[in-house]
Amino acid sequence: MTAKPQLSLYNTLHRAKAPFTPMDASNVRLYACGPTVYDFAHIGNGRAAIVFDLLFRLLRHTFGAEHVTYVRNITDVDDKINARALRDFPDLPLNDAIRRVTETTAAQYQKDVAALGCLEPTVQPRATDNIEGMQKLITTLIGRGHAYVAEGEVLFAVDSMADYGQLSGRNLDDNLAGARIAVDTHKRNPADFVLWKLSSADEPGWNSPWGRGRPGWHIECSAMSERYLGETFDIHGGGLDLIFPHHENEIAQSRCAHGSHAMANVWMHNGFLQVEGQKMSKSLGNFFTIHQLLETQDFGGRKWPGEVLRLAMLMTHYREPIDFSQRRLEEAVTLLEKWERAAGDAEPASDLSPDLVDRLADDLDTPGAIGRIHALIMDEGRAADGLSLAALMGIQIKREVAEDTGVASKVAERLDALNSKDFAKADAIRKDLAEQGIALMDYKDEAGQRQTKWEVKR
């Protein structure tokens, strides 16, 4: 049996990198915060999806696919969703209206991240399918003295937890309110955050012991992670922007409800994303969805295939800020094309030795792993190992189109047309092949005869 690599991961909670040992190697458990599906996912969401998909792949490689459980939630109740539901489906019952909105946007998200090379998680729970679990957690928190009811809302009392703020490193006095509501006078402490809030007549809601309402943002992930991974699990991931308040408050809810030492043993966060050196913003005109990049020519005047977007993201270490630029995408295109030409018709190796995975195993050092892939593929005798490492990272390297696909015969037919001066036919064949991603290069051989080479282009 081939030895597996030793993983080391950076833990935001401890501000250090350490060897990773799962609680149970037969069931390694990973939770990552997924999308709030009120609209198409933007490229920042895409980065998080790629990072934790890569971690999922590496855990499967290390411990076995059947021994890893990956949960990525779908937040389908939110004020932005409510507003869109009222706008788009004013005649439907409110709870049905938000479902109609989120069914469409969640399906688009699945399509988008699949195009980025992401595997489907083990479980993708919806917040609205876990209301009962949220209410149970809230009831427990009230009973343990960690939450209170005020003016129909249920709030978490942050000063009831002695070590609140460990993840973010914030002192309690410095914290701002963590809930998606304004600071109100009924809060005992301005930092107290909402667990359950009342719904007005034009907002979706569910019956509860505290009145018709809906959950706060943070309680959703606490309930869903507990349901599928248990009270304490191995790894919790998300974007750097979620450390506070979202992840801090998840920890508070879960630990106080269960009386546990930890919600997750390792907390991992991917860095921020900028576009061409600026913060992504609709007002700046540099806000792009995954769908736009894949299907339109809005960025750089062309469409960008999913494997290009994935490689461009992984060229920067996940904890570092990333400048998402046209130049970086073009670099990814060039690199993939070099690998395709060098790999030729090589097949991925059936196994990877631990030394080839050591960069990935070292806190997902993707720049180092990409350098390793390049060195292997450019070494004719080791291209198979390079292809296998790329496959582990979810990077698709297309092999050259086989002669029997008809491309070669089309190229020959076009060459005949050129020699016969049937330029209209020759141009039509070139256009047809270009639409298939085939680029043609005309040249003359040593005898002065017209010849044509072709290759797969993006």
Foldseek 3Di string as FASTA:
>chain_A
DFAAAFFWAQFLLVRGIDTADWPDLQAAEEEEEAEAQQDFAFVQNLLQLLVVLLVLLSSCQRSNNNRYAYEYEYEQADPSLLVVLCVPPVPDDSVVSSVVSRVVRVVNNVVLNVQLLGDDGNYYYYLVVQQVLLQVLLVLCVVLVQWDAFPLWIWGDQVVDPPQPSSVVDDPVPDAAQWPDQQDPRDPGRNIYTAWDADDPSHQFDQHPSGTTDGIDQSSVLRVCCVPPNLEHAEYEYAPVCSPPRVSVSFVSSCSSVVDPTSYPGYYHFYAEAEQPHRADVVVVRIGGSCCQQPHLSAVRDHQGSLLSSLLSLLDQRRDYYHHYPVSSVVSQVLLQVLQVLQAPPAADPDAHNVLCVCCSHNHNSNVNSVSLSVQSNPSVRNNPSCNSCVSSSRDRDHWDDPVVCPVVLQVVLLVCVVVVVVVSNVVSQVVVVVVQKHKDWDADPVRRIDIDITGHD
